[in-house]
N, C-alpha and C. Protein backbone atom coordinates (compact mmCIF):
# COMPACT_ATOMS: atom_id res chain seq x y z
N MET A 1 70.30 113.09 83.60
CA MET A 1 71.17 114.25 83.67
C MET A 1 71.31 114.68 85.12
N LYS A 2 72.53 114.91 85.54
CA LYS A 2 72.78 115.30 86.92
C LYS A 2 72.62 116.79 87.08
N SER A 3 72.01 117.18 88.20
CA SER A 3 71.90 118.61 88.49
C SER A 3 73.20 119.08 89.12
N LYS A 4 73.57 120.33 88.85
CA LYS A 4 74.79 120.88 89.43
C LYS A 4 74.50 121.36 90.83
N LYS A 5 75.37 121.00 91.76
CA LYS A 5 75.22 121.43 93.14
C LYS A 5 75.87 122.79 93.32
N SER A 6 75.27 123.60 94.17
CA SER A 6 75.86 124.90 94.46
C SER A 6 77.11 124.70 95.31
N ARG A 7 77.93 125.74 95.37
CA ARG A 7 79.16 125.65 96.16
C ARG A 7 78.84 125.38 97.63
N ILE A 8 77.76 125.94 98.16
CA ILE A 8 77.38 125.72 99.55
C ILE A 8 77.02 124.25 99.75
N ASP A 9 76.22 123.68 98.85
CA ASP A 9 75.87 122.27 98.96
C ASP A 9 77.12 121.41 98.94
N ARG A 10 78.06 121.72 98.05
CA ARG A 10 79.30 120.95 97.94
C ARG A 10 80.07 121.02 99.26
N CYS A 11 80.14 122.19 99.86
CA CYS A 11 80.85 122.34 101.13
C CYS A 11 80.17 121.54 102.23
N GLU A 12 78.84 121.56 102.27
CA GLU A 12 78.11 120.80 103.28
C GLU A 12 78.36 119.31 103.10
N LEU A 13 78.34 118.83 101.87
CA LEU A 13 78.61 117.42 101.61
C LEU A 13 80.03 117.04 101.98
N THR A 14 80.98 117.90 101.65
CA THR A 14 82.37 117.64 101.99
C THR A 14 82.53 117.55 103.51
N ASP A 15 81.87 118.45 104.24
CA ASP A 15 81.90 118.40 105.70
C ASP A 15 81.31 117.08 106.20
N HIS A 16 80.24 116.63 105.56
CA HIS A 16 79.59 115.36 105.93
C HIS A 16 80.55 114.19 105.72
N TYR A 17 81.24 114.17 104.59
CA TYR A 17 82.21 113.11 104.30
C TYR A 17 83.36 113.15 105.31
N GLU A 18 83.86 114.35 105.61
CA GLU A 18 84.97 114.49 106.56
C GLU A 18 84.58 113.98 107.95
N ALA A 19 83.35 114.30 108.38
CA ALA A 19 82.88 113.83 109.69
C ALA A 19 82.77 112.30 109.69
N ALA A 20 82.29 111.73 108.61
CA ALA A 20 82.17 110.26 108.51
C ALA A 20 83.56 109.62 108.58
N ILE A 21 84.54 110.23 107.94
CA ILE A 21 85.92 109.72 107.98
C ILE A 21 86.46 109.78 109.41
N MET A 22 86.31 110.93 110.05
CA MET A 22 86.85 111.12 111.40
C MET A 22 86.22 110.19 112.41
N HIS A 23 84.91 109.97 112.30
CA HIS A 23 84.18 109.16 113.27
C HIS A 23 83.98 107.71 112.83
N ARG A 24 84.59 107.36 111.68
CA ARG A 24 84.52 106.01 111.13
C ARG A 24 83.07 105.53 111.01
N ARG A 25 82.23 106.40 110.44
CA ARG A 25 80.83 106.08 110.21
C ARG A 25 80.64 105.59 108.79
N ARG A 26 79.92 104.52 108.64
CA ARG A 26 79.61 103.99 107.32
C ARG A 26 78.55 104.87 106.65
N LEU A 27 78.64 104.95 105.33
CA LEU A 27 77.67 105.69 104.53
C LEU A 27 77.10 104.78 103.45
N HIS A 28 75.85 104.96 103.16
CA HIS A 28 75.20 104.28 102.04
C HIS A 28 75.31 105.25 100.86
N VAL A 29 76.07 104.87 99.83
CA VAL A 29 76.37 105.79 98.73
C VAL A 29 75.88 105.23 97.40
N CYS A 30 75.24 106.08 96.61
CA CYS A 30 74.86 105.74 95.23
C CYS A 30 75.65 106.65 94.31
N TRP A 31 76.19 106.08 93.24
CA TRP A 31 76.92 106.90 92.28
C TRP A 31 76.80 106.28 90.90
N GLN A 32 77.07 107.13 89.91
CA GLN A 32 77.02 106.68 88.52
C GLN A 32 78.30 107.13 87.84
N ASP A 33 78.98 106.16 87.21
CA ASP A 33 80.21 106.47 86.49
C ASP A 33 80.18 105.78 85.13
N GLN A 34 81.31 105.69 84.47
CA GLN A 34 81.35 105.10 83.13
C GLN A 34 81.00 103.61 83.13
N GLN A 35 81.15 102.94 84.27
CA GLN A 35 80.82 101.53 84.36
C GLN A 35 79.34 101.29 84.69
N GLY A 36 78.60 102.35 84.99
CA GLY A 36 77.18 102.22 85.29
C GLY A 36 76.81 102.77 86.65
N GLU A 37 75.68 102.32 87.16
CA GLU A 37 75.18 102.77 88.46
C GLU A 37 75.64 101.81 89.55
N HIS A 38 75.97 102.38 90.72
CA HIS A 38 76.48 101.60 91.84
C HIS A 38 75.75 102.04 93.10
N GLU A 39 75.65 101.10 94.04
CA GLU A 39 75.05 101.39 95.34
C GLU A 39 75.72 100.47 96.35
N GLN A 40 76.37 101.06 97.37
CA GLN A 40 77.08 100.26 98.37
C GLN A 40 77.09 100.96 99.70
N CYS A 41 77.27 100.15 100.73
CA CYS A 41 77.56 100.67 102.06
C CYS A 41 79.08 100.76 102.14
N LEU A 42 79.60 101.96 102.40
CA LEU A 42 81.04 102.21 102.35
C LEU A 42 81.55 102.75 103.67
N LEU A 43 82.83 102.52 103.92
CA LEU A 43 83.52 103.17 105.03
C LEU A 43 84.48 104.18 104.42
N PRO A 44 84.13 105.47 104.46
CA PRO A 44 85.00 106.49 103.88
C PRO A 44 86.33 106.55 104.62
N THR A 45 87.42 106.69 103.86
CA THR A 45 88.75 106.72 104.47
C THR A 45 89.52 108.01 104.19
N ASP A 46 89.21 108.71 103.09
CA ASP A 46 89.97 109.92 102.76
C ASP A 46 89.26 110.69 101.66
N LEU A 47 89.60 111.96 101.56
CA LEU A 47 89.18 112.83 100.46
C LEU A 47 90.44 113.39 99.82
N CYS A 48 90.42 113.57 98.50
CA CYS A 48 91.56 114.21 97.86
C CYS A 48 91.10 114.91 96.59
N CYS A 49 91.98 115.76 96.10
CA CYS A 49 91.73 116.48 94.85
C CYS A 49 92.83 116.07 93.87
N ASP A 50 92.43 115.73 92.64
CA ASP A 50 93.38 115.33 91.62
C ASP A 50 92.94 115.93 90.30
N GLN A 51 93.78 116.73 89.72
CA GLN A 51 93.51 117.38 88.43
C GLN A 51 92.18 118.13 88.44
N GLY A 52 91.93 118.83 89.55
CA GLY A 52 90.75 119.68 89.66
C GLY A 52 89.46 118.96 90.01
N ARG A 53 89.52 117.66 90.27
CA ARG A 53 88.32 116.90 90.65
C ARG A 53 88.51 116.35 92.06
N ASP A 54 87.43 116.37 92.83
CA ASP A 54 87.47 115.87 94.20
C ASP A 54 87.02 114.41 94.24
N TYR A 55 87.71 113.61 95.07
CA TYR A 55 87.43 112.18 95.17
C TYR A 55 87.26 111.74 96.62
N LEU A 56 86.38 110.77 96.81
CA LEU A 56 86.20 110.10 98.08
C LEU A 56 86.84 108.72 97.97
N PHE A 57 87.73 108.39 98.90
CA PHE A 57 88.30 107.06 98.99
C PHE A 57 87.53 106.32 100.08
N ALA A 58 87.22 105.05 99.81
CA ALA A 58 86.43 104.29 100.77
C ALA A 58 86.72 102.80 100.64
N MET A 59 86.39 102.08 101.71
CA MET A 59 86.45 100.62 101.71
C MET A 59 85.04 100.13 101.41
N GLY A 60 84.93 99.28 100.40
CA GLY A 60 83.63 98.76 100.00
C GLY A 60 83.47 97.31 100.42
N ALA A 61 82.62 96.61 99.70
CA ALA A 61 82.35 95.20 99.97
C ALA A 61 83.64 94.40 99.86
N ALA A 62 83.79 93.42 100.73
CA ALA A 62 84.97 92.54 100.75
C ALA A 62 86.27 93.34 100.82
N ASP A 63 86.23 94.46 101.54
CA ASP A 63 87.39 95.32 101.75
C ASP A 63 88.01 95.84 100.45
N SER A 64 87.20 95.97 99.41
CA SER A 64 87.70 96.57 98.16
C SER A 64 87.91 98.06 98.38
N GLN A 65 88.96 98.60 97.78
CA GLN A 65 89.24 100.02 97.90
C GLN A 65 88.63 100.73 96.70
N LEU A 66 87.86 101.78 96.98
CA LEU A 66 87.17 102.54 95.93
C LEU A 66 87.65 103.97 95.91
N ARG A 67 87.64 104.54 94.73
CA ARG A 67 87.92 105.97 94.51
C ARG A 67 86.76 106.49 93.69
N ILE A 68 85.93 107.34 94.31
CA ILE A 68 84.70 107.81 93.68
C ILE A 68 84.77 109.33 93.53
N CYS A 69 84.57 109.80 92.31
CA CYS A 69 84.53 111.24 92.08
C CYS A 69 83.28 111.80 92.75
N LEU A 70 83.44 112.87 93.51
CA LEU A 70 82.30 113.45 94.21
C LEU A 70 81.21 113.91 93.25
N ASP A 71 81.59 114.30 92.04
CA ASP A 71 80.60 114.71 91.03
C ASP A 71 79.72 113.55 90.59
N ASP A 72 80.18 112.32 90.77
CA ASP A 72 79.43 111.13 90.35
C ASP A 72 78.43 110.65 91.39
N ILE A 73 78.56 111.13 92.63
CA ILE A 73 77.68 110.68 93.71
C ILE A 73 76.30 111.31 93.53
N THR A 74 75.29 110.43 93.52
CA THR A 74 73.91 110.89 93.32
C THR A 74 73.11 110.90 94.61
N GLN A 75 73.53 110.11 95.59
CA GLN A 75 72.82 110.06 96.86
C GLN A 75 73.75 109.52 97.93
N VAL A 76 73.62 110.06 99.14
CA VAL A 76 74.40 109.56 100.27
C VAL A 76 73.54 109.66 101.53
N ARG A 77 73.59 108.59 102.33
CA ARG A 77 72.83 108.54 103.59
C ARG A 77 73.69 107.88 104.65
N GLU A 78 73.36 108.18 105.88
CA GLU A 78 74.01 107.49 107.00
C GLU A 78 73.62 106.03 106.97
N PHE A 79 74.49 105.16 107.45
CA PHE A 79 74.17 103.73 107.54
C PHE A 79 74.20 103.37 109.02
N PRO A 80 73.27 102.63 109.58
CA PRO A 80 72.19 101.95 108.88
C PRO A 80 71.12 102.93 108.44
N LEU A 81 70.37 102.50 107.42
CA LEU A 81 69.34 103.34 106.81
C LEU A 81 68.20 103.59 107.75
C-alpha cells in the first residue's frame, strides 16, 4: 500500500523533476503500475497534467519513451547512485 504524500512533499518532488529536466540530469526511478514494478535510469523530458493526474515523461532504456504517473513513483534518486 502506498502512503499518501503531503502537498509540500509533492511540490518538492515536482521541483526536483523540473530541475532534472532543465539540467538534463538522469534519475534512477522506481515505480509500480498495472504492469508491475519497474526500476530504470531515466532522462526526464517533461511534466504534464492530464485528467487531474500528473505525469513524468522520460527517455528510458534503448530510447523508449515513458509516461509515468507521479502517484506511481515509489522512489527516485540522482544518477549515478
